[in-house]
Amino acid sequence: MRSFLKFFIAFFSGALCYGMLELFARGRTHWTMLLTGGIAMVFLMLINQSKQINIVIRALIGAFFITSVEFCVGSVVNISFGWNIWNYSGIPMNVLGQICPKYSALWFLLCIPAFCLCDVLERQFEAI
């Protein structure tokens, strides 16, 4: 139960942080982005437990995972459903308008503070 609660809080934190980031950057967000942010944070929490792996490598793994999830979600909500939540078509080297190197690099950079949040959550659960 404790482990479930820890990952639930990680999910909620990721959803909240990503939603706030989108509101700040774009002025809007979408409920699917909250789910995507939550899923990403749970994964980051899992890979952050591997402290023997250099943080740069963990951030690369995190960025690859987030980019992959972004592509999968975008393929469904933007291409299949036509919801047009985002479109990177105008950004160089995009893939079907759903992912691009620019945002993959941003995900890499954001993994570092996300790992710090993961550490805070871990310490809080150790204290319980």
N, C-alpha and C. Protein backbone atom coordinates (compact mmCIF):
# COMPACT_ATOMS: atom_id res chain seq x y z
N MET A 1 0.82 -1.20 0.00
CA MET A 1 0.00 0.00 0.00
C MET A 1 0.87 1.26 0.00
N ARG A 2 1.94 1.23 0.76
CA ARG A 2 2.84 2.38 0.86
C ARG A 2 3.47 2.69 -0.50
N SER A 3 3.87 1.64 -1.21
CA SER A 3 4.47 1.82 -2.53
C SER A 3 3.45 2.38 -3.51
N PHE A 4 2.22 1.88 -3.45
CA PHE A 4 1.16 2.41 -4.31
C PHE A 4 0.95 3.89 -4.05
N LEU A 5 0.89 4.27 -2.78
CA LEU A 5 0.68 5.66 -2.41
C LEU A 5 1.82 6.54 -2.92
N LYS A 6 3.05 6.05 -2.81
CA LYS A 6 4.21 6.80 -3.28
C LYS A 6 4.09 7.06 -4.79
N PHE A 7 3.73 6.04 -5.55
CA PHE A 7 3.63 6.22 -6.99
C PHE A 7 2.38 7.02 -7.38
N PHE A 8 1.33 6.92 -6.59
CA PHE A 8 0.15 7.76 -6.82
C PHE A 8 0.51 9.23 -6.64
N ILE A 9 1.26 9.53 -5.59
CA ILE A 9 1.68 10.91 -5.34
C ILE A 9 2.64 11.37 -6.43
N ALA A 10 3.52 10.49 -6.89
CA ALA A 10 4.42 10.83 -8.00
C ALA A 10 3.59 11.13 -9.26
N PHE A 11 2.59 10.30 -9.53
CA PHE A 11 1.72 10.53 -10.69
C PHE A 11 1.03 11.89 -10.58
N PHE A 12 0.45 12.15 -9.42
CA PHE A 12 -0.26 13.41 -9.20
C PHE A 12 0.69 14.60 -9.33
N SER A 13 1.90 14.47 -8.78
CA SER A 13 2.90 15.54 -8.86
C SER A 13 3.29 15.81 -10.31
N GLY A 14 3.50 14.75 -11.08
CA GLY A 14 3.86 14.90 -12.48
C GLY A 14 2.74 15.55 -13.28
N ALA A 15 1.51 15.14 -13.00
CA ALA A 15 0.36 15.71 -13.70
C ALA A 15 0.24 17.20 -13.38
N LEU A 16 0.37 17.53 -12.11
CA LEU A 16 0.26 18.91 -11.68
C LEU A 16 1.38 19.78 -12.25
N CYS A 17 2.62 19.30 -12.12
CA CYS A 17 3.77 20.07 -12.62
C CYS A 17 3.71 20.26 -14.13
N TYR A 18 3.37 19.21 -14.86
CA TYR A 18 3.31 19.34 -16.32
C TYR A 18 2.18 20.26 -16.74
N GLY A 19 1.03 20.13 -16.08
CA GLY A 19 -0.09 21.02 -16.39
C GLY A 19 0.27 22.48 -16.14
N MET A 20 0.95 22.74 -15.02
CA MET A 20 1.36 24.11 -14.71
C MET A 20 2.39 24.62 -15.71
N LEU A 21 3.31 23.75 -16.10
CA LEU A 21 4.31 24.12 -17.10
C LEU A 21 3.64 24.51 -18.42
N GLU A 22 2.67 23.74 -18.84
CA GLU A 22 1.95 24.06 -20.07
C GLU A 22 1.16 25.35 -19.95
N LEU A 23 0.51 25.54 -18.81
CA LEU A 23 -0.24 26.79 -18.62
C LEU A 23 0.70 27.99 -18.67
N PHE A 24 1.87 27.86 -18.07
CA PHE A 24 2.85 28.95 -18.09
C PHE A 24 3.38 29.19 -19.50
N ALA A 25 3.73 28.12 -20.20
CA ALA A 25 4.37 28.24 -21.52
C ALA A 25 3.38 28.55 -22.65
N ARG A 26 2.20 27.91 -22.61
CA ARG A 26 1.25 28.04 -23.73
C ARG A 26 -0.05 28.74 -23.36
N GLY A 27 -0.29 28.88 -22.07
CA GLY A 27 -1.53 29.51 -21.63
C GLY A 27 -2.72 28.57 -21.59
N ARG A 28 -2.48 27.29 -21.86
CA ARG A 28 -3.56 26.28 -21.84
C ARG A 28 -2.93 24.90 -21.70
N THR A 29 -3.76 23.96 -21.32
CA THR A 29 -3.34 22.56 -21.28
C THR A 29 -4.56 21.71 -21.63
N HIS A 30 -4.41 20.41 -21.53
CA HIS A 30 -5.49 19.48 -21.87
C HIS A 30 -5.38 18.31 -20.89
N TRP A 31 -6.49 17.69 -20.56
CA TRP A 31 -6.46 16.61 -19.57
C TRP A 31 -5.54 15.47 -19.98
N THR A 32 -5.38 15.24 -21.27
CA THR A 32 -4.48 14.18 -21.71
C THR A 32 -3.02 14.49 -21.37
N MET A 33 -2.69 15.76 -21.30
CA MET A 33 -1.33 16.16 -20.93
C MET A 33 -1.08 15.93 -19.44
N LEU A 34 -2.13 16.04 -18.64
CA LEU A 34 -1.99 15.74 -17.21
C LEU A 34 -1.70 14.25 -17.03
N LEU A 35 -2.41 13.42 -17.77
CA LEU A 35 -2.14 11.97 -17.70
C LEU A 35 -0.73 11.66 -18.18
N THR A 36 -0.32 12.31 -19.26
CA THR A 36 1.01 12.08 -19.81
C THR A 36 2.08 12.50 -18.81
N GLY A 37 1.91 13.65 -18.19
CA GLY A 37 2.86 14.12 -17.17
C GLY A 37 2.92 13.18 -15.98
N GLY A 38 1.79 12.64 -15.58
CA GLY A 38 1.76 11.69 -14.47
C GLY A 38 2.48 10.40 -14.80
N ILE A 39 2.24 9.88 -15.98
CA ILE A 39 2.92 8.65 -16.42
C ILE A 39 4.42 8.88 -16.49
N ALA A 40 4.81 10.02 -17.03
CA ALA A 40 6.24 10.33 -17.14
C ALA A 40 6.89 10.40 -15.76
N MET A 41 6.22 11.02 -14.80
CA MET A 41 6.81 11.16 -13.47
C MET A 41 6.96 9.82 -12.76
N VAL A 42 6.01 8.93 -12.93
CA VAL A 42 6.13 7.59 -12.33
C VAL A 42 7.36 6.89 -12.92
N PHE A 43 7.53 6.99 -14.24
CA PHE A 43 8.70 6.37 -14.86
C PHE A 43 9.99 7.01 -14.34
N LEU A 44 10.01 8.33 -14.23
CA LEU A 44 11.21 9.01 -13.71
C LEU A 44 11.50 8.58 -12.28
N MET A 45 10.46 8.39 -11.50
CA MET A 45 10.63 7.91 -10.12
C MET A 45 11.29 6.53 -10.13
N LEU A 46 10.87 5.69 -11.04
CA LEU A 46 11.44 4.34 -11.12
C LEU A 46 12.91 4.38 -11.54
N ILE A 47 13.24 5.14 -12.58
CA ILE A 47 14.64 5.15 -13.02
C ILE A 47 15.53 5.94 -12.07
N ASN A 48 14.97 6.86 -11.33
CA ASN A 48 15.77 7.63 -10.37
C ASN A 48 16.23 6.76 -9.21
N GLN A 49 15.59 5.63 -9.00
CA GLN A 49 16.02 4.72 -7.94
C GLN A 49 17.34 4.04 -8.27
N SER A 50 17.76 4.10 -9.52
CA SER A 50 19.04 3.50 -9.95
C SER A 50 20.15 4.54 -9.82
N LYS A 51 20.54 4.82 -8.58
CA LYS A 51 21.54 5.86 -8.33
C LYS A 51 22.91 5.49 -8.87
N GLN A 52 23.15 4.21 -9.14
CA GLN A 52 24.44 3.81 -9.71
C GLN A 52 24.58 4.26 -11.16
N ILE A 53 23.46 4.65 -11.79
CA ILE A 53 23.49 5.17 -13.14
C ILE A 53 23.66 6.69 -13.06
N ASN A 54 24.61 7.21 -13.79
CA ASN A 54 24.90 8.64 -13.82
C ASN A 54 23.63 9.43 -14.13
N ILE A 55 23.47 10.57 -13.49
CA ILE A 55 22.26 11.38 -13.66
C ILE A 55 22.06 11.83 -15.11
N VAL A 56 23.15 12.04 -15.83
CA VAL A 56 23.03 12.43 -17.24
C VAL A 56 22.42 11.28 -18.05
N ILE A 57 22.85 10.07 -17.77
CA ILE A 57 22.29 8.89 -18.46
C ILE A 57 20.83 8.71 -18.07
N ARG A 58 20.52 8.89 -16.78
CA ARG A 58 19.12 8.79 -16.34
C ARG A 58 18.27 9.84 -17.04
N ALA A 59 18.81 11.06 -17.21
CA ALA A 59 18.06 12.12 -17.89
C ALA A 59 17.87 11.79 -19.37
N LEU A 60 18.87 11.19 -20.00
CA LEU A 60 18.72 10.76 -21.39
C LEU A 60 17.64 9.69 -21.52
N ILE A 61 17.66 8.73 -20.61
CA ILE A 61 16.63 7.69 -20.61
C ILE A 61 15.25 8.32 -20.39
N GLY A 62 15.18 9.23 -19.43
CA GLY A 62 13.92 9.92 -19.16
C GLY A 62 13.41 10.69 -20.36
N ALA A 63 14.31 11.43 -21.02
CA ALA A 63 13.91 12.22 -22.20
C ALA A 63 13.43 11.31 -23.32
N PHE A 64 14.11 10.18 -23.50
CA PHE A 64 13.68 9.22 -24.53
C PHE A 64 12.29 8.67 -24.20
N PHE A 65 12.07 8.32 -22.94
CA PHE A 65 10.77 7.80 -22.52
C PHE A 65 9.67 8.85 -22.72
N ILE A 66 9.92 10.07 -22.25
CA ILE A 66 8.92 11.13 -22.36
C ILE A 66 8.60 11.42 -23.83
N THR A 67 9.64 11.48 -24.66
CA THR A 67 9.43 11.70 -26.10
C THR A 67 8.61 10.56 -26.71
N SER A 68 8.89 9.34 -26.28
CA SER A 68 8.13 8.18 -26.78
C SER A 68 6.67 8.25 -26.37
N VAL A 69 6.42 8.60 -25.12
CA VAL A 69 5.05 8.73 -24.64
C VAL A 69 4.35 9.87 -25.37
N GLU A 70 5.07 10.99 -25.56
CA GLU A 70 4.50 12.12 -26.28
C GLU A 70 4.12 11.71 -27.71
N PHE A 71 4.95 10.92 -28.35
CA PHE A 71 4.63 10.46 -29.71
C PHE A 71 3.40 9.55 -29.70
N CYS A 72 3.35 8.62 -28.76
CA CYS A 72 2.19 7.71 -28.68
C CYS A 72 0.90 8.46 -28.40
N VAL A 73 0.94 9.35 -27.41
CA VAL A 73 -0.26 10.12 -27.07
C VAL A 73 -0.64 11.02 -28.25
N GLY A 74 0.34 11.69 -28.84
CA GLY A 74 0.06 12.56 -29.97
C GLY A 74 -0.51 11.82 -31.16
N SER A 75 -0.01 10.61 -31.40
CA SER A 75 -0.53 9.81 -32.51
C SER A 75 -2.00 9.49 -32.31
N VAL A 76 -2.39 9.27 -31.07
CA VAL A 76 -3.80 8.97 -30.79
C VAL A 76 -4.64 10.24 -30.79
N VAL A 77 -4.29 11.20 -29.91
CA VAL A 77 -5.18 12.35 -29.73
C VAL A 77 -5.12 13.36 -30.86
N ASN A 78 -3.96 13.54 -31.47
CA ASN A 78 -3.84 14.54 -32.54
C ASN A 78 -4.09 13.96 -33.92
N ILE A 79 -3.51 12.79 -34.19
CA ILE A 79 -3.65 12.22 -35.54
C ILE A 79 -4.93 11.41 -35.66
N SER A 80 -5.14 10.45 -34.76
CA SER A 80 -6.33 9.59 -34.87
C SER A 80 -7.62 10.32 -34.51
N PHE A 81 -7.63 11.03 -33.37
CA PHE A 81 -8.85 11.69 -32.92
C PHE A 81 -9.01 13.09 -33.53
N GLY A 82 -7.93 13.67 -34.04
CA GLY A 82 -7.99 15.00 -34.63
C GLY A 82 -8.23 16.12 -33.64
N TRP A 83 -7.80 15.94 -32.38
CA TRP A 83 -8.04 16.95 -31.35
C TRP A 83 -7.10 18.16 -31.46
N ASN A 84 -6.00 18.00 -32.18
CA ASN A 84 -5.05 19.11 -32.39
C ASN A 84 -4.62 19.81 -31.10
N ILE A 85 -4.19 19.02 -30.14
CA ILE A 85 -3.73 19.57 -28.86
C ILE A 85 -2.39 20.26 -29.03
N TRP A 86 -1.52 19.71 -29.85
CA TRP A 86 -0.26 20.36 -30.21
C TRP A 86 0.12 19.94 -31.62
N ASN A 87 1.01 20.72 -32.20
CA ASN A 87 1.47 20.43 -33.56
C ASN A 87 2.86 21.04 -33.72
N TYR A 88 3.85 20.19 -33.86
CA TYR A 88 5.24 20.63 -34.01
C TYR A 88 5.65 20.68 -35.49
N SER A 89 4.71 20.69 -36.39
CA SER A 89 5.02 20.65 -37.82
C SER A 89 5.94 21.79 -38.26
N GLY A 90 5.85 22.92 -37.61
CA GLY A 90 6.68 24.06 -37.99
C GLY A 90 8.08 24.03 -37.40
N ILE A 91 8.37 23.04 -36.59
CA ILE A 91 9.68 22.94 -35.94
C ILE A 91 10.55 21.96 -36.73
N PRO A 92 11.79 22.34 -37.01
CA PRO A 92 12.66 21.45 -37.80
C PRO A 92 12.82 20.06 -37.20
N MET A 93 12.93 19.09 -38.08
CA MET A 93 13.17 17.67 -37.76
C MET A 93 12.07 17.04 -36.91
N ASN A 94 10.84 17.54 -37.05
CA ASN A 94 9.72 16.94 -36.32
C ASN A 94 9.34 15.61 -36.97
N VAL A 95 8.66 14.78 -36.21
CA VAL A 95 8.15 13.50 -36.72
C VAL A 95 6.63 13.57 -36.66
N LEU A 96 6.02 13.65 -37.81
CA LEU A 96 4.56 13.73 -37.96
C LEU A 96 3.94 14.86 -37.15
N GLY A 97 4.73 15.86 -36.82
CA GLY A 97 4.24 17.00 -36.04
C GLY A 97 4.03 16.69 -34.57
N GLN A 98 4.43 15.50 -34.12
CA GLN A 98 4.15 15.07 -32.74
C GLN A 98 5.35 15.17 -31.81
N ILE A 99 6.54 14.98 -32.32
CA ILE A 99 7.76 15.10 -31.52
C ILE A 99 8.81 15.83 -32.34
N CYS A 100 9.79 16.38 -31.63
CA CYS A 100 10.89 17.06 -32.30
C CYS A 100 12.08 17.14 -31.36
N PRO A 101 13.28 17.28 -31.91
CA PRO A 101 14.48 17.35 -31.07
C PRO A 101 14.46 18.50 -30.06
N LYS A 102 13.87 19.62 -30.44
CA LYS A 102 13.81 20.78 -29.53
C LYS A 102 13.16 20.40 -28.20
N TYR A 103 12.02 19.74 -28.27
CA TYR A 103 11.31 19.38 -27.04
C TYR A 103 11.93 18.17 -26.36
N SER A 104 12.55 17.29 -27.10
CA SER A 104 13.29 16.19 -26.48
C SER A 104 14.43 16.74 -25.62
N ALA A 105 15.10 17.78 -26.13
CA ALA A 105 16.16 18.43 -25.35
C ALA A 105 15.58 19.09 -24.10
N LEU A 106 14.41 19.69 -24.24
CA LEU A 106 13.76 20.29 -23.07
C LEU A 106 13.41 19.22 -22.04
N TRP A 107 12.89 18.07 -22.49
CA TRP A 107 12.56 16.99 -21.56
C TRP A 107 13.82 16.52 -20.83
N PHE A 108 14.94 16.45 -21.56
CA PHE A 108 16.21 16.09 -20.93
C PHE A 108 16.54 17.06 -19.80
N LEU A 109 16.45 18.33 -20.07
CA LEU A 109 16.77 19.34 -19.05
C LEU A 109 15.80 19.28 -17.87
N LEU A 110 14.53 19.06 -18.17
CA LEU A 110 13.51 19.01 -17.10
C LEU A 110 13.62 17.75 -16.24
N CYS A 111 14.28 16.72 -16.76
CA CYS A 111 14.46 15.51 -15.96
C CYS A 111 15.29 15.78 -14.70
N ILE A 112 16.23 16.70 -14.78
CA ILE A 112 17.10 16.98 -13.63
C ILE A 112 16.28 17.49 -12.43
N PRO A 113 15.48 18.57 -12.58
CA PRO A 113 14.65 18.96 -11.43
C PRO A 113 13.59 17.92 -11.08
N ALA A 114 13.13 17.17 -12.06
CA ALA A 114 12.16 16.10 -11.77
C ALA A 114 12.79 15.04 -10.87
N PHE A 115 14.07 14.73 -11.11
CA PHE A 115 14.76 13.77 -10.24
C PHE A 115 14.90 14.33 -8.83
N CYS A 116 15.10 15.63 -8.72
CA CYS A 116 15.16 16.25 -7.38
C CYS A 116 13.82 16.09 -6.67
N LEU A 117 12.73 16.29 -7.39
CA LEU A 117 11.39 16.08 -6.82
C LEU A 117 11.22 14.62 -6.41
N CYS A 118 11.70 13.70 -7.24
CA CYS A 118 11.64 12.28 -6.90
C CYS A 118 12.39 12.00 -5.60
N ASP A 119 13.55 12.61 -5.43
CA ASP A 119 14.33 12.44 -4.20
C ASP A 119 13.57 12.95 -2.99
N VAL A 120 12.91 14.09 -3.13
CA VAL A 120 12.11 14.65 -2.04
C VAL A 120 10.98 13.68 -1.67
N LEU A 121 10.29 13.17 -2.68
CA LEU A 121 9.20 12.22 -2.43
C LEU A 121 9.72 10.96 -1.74
N GLU A 122 10.86 10.45 -2.21
CA GLU A 122 11.46 9.26 -1.59
C GLU A 122 11.77 9.51 -0.12
N ARG A 123 12.38 10.67 0.17
CA ARG A 123 12.72 10.99 1.57
C ARG A 123 11.48 11.11 2.43
N GLN A 124 10.42 11.68 1.87
CA GLN A 124 9.17 11.81 2.64
C GLN A 124 8.59 10.44 2.98
N PHE A 125 8.70 9.51 2.05
CA PHE A 125 8.16 8.18 2.30
C PHE A 125 9.06 7.35 3.21
N GLU A 126 10.34 7.63 3.23
CA GLU A 126 11.23 6.98 4.18
C GLU A 126 10.93 7.43 5.60
N ALA A 127 10.50 8.68 5.75
CA ALA A 127 10.21 9.24 7.06
C ALA A 127 8.90 8.73 7.65
N ILE A 128 8.06 8.18 6.82
CA ILE A 128 6.75 7.69 7.30
C ILE A 128 6.93 6.36 8.01
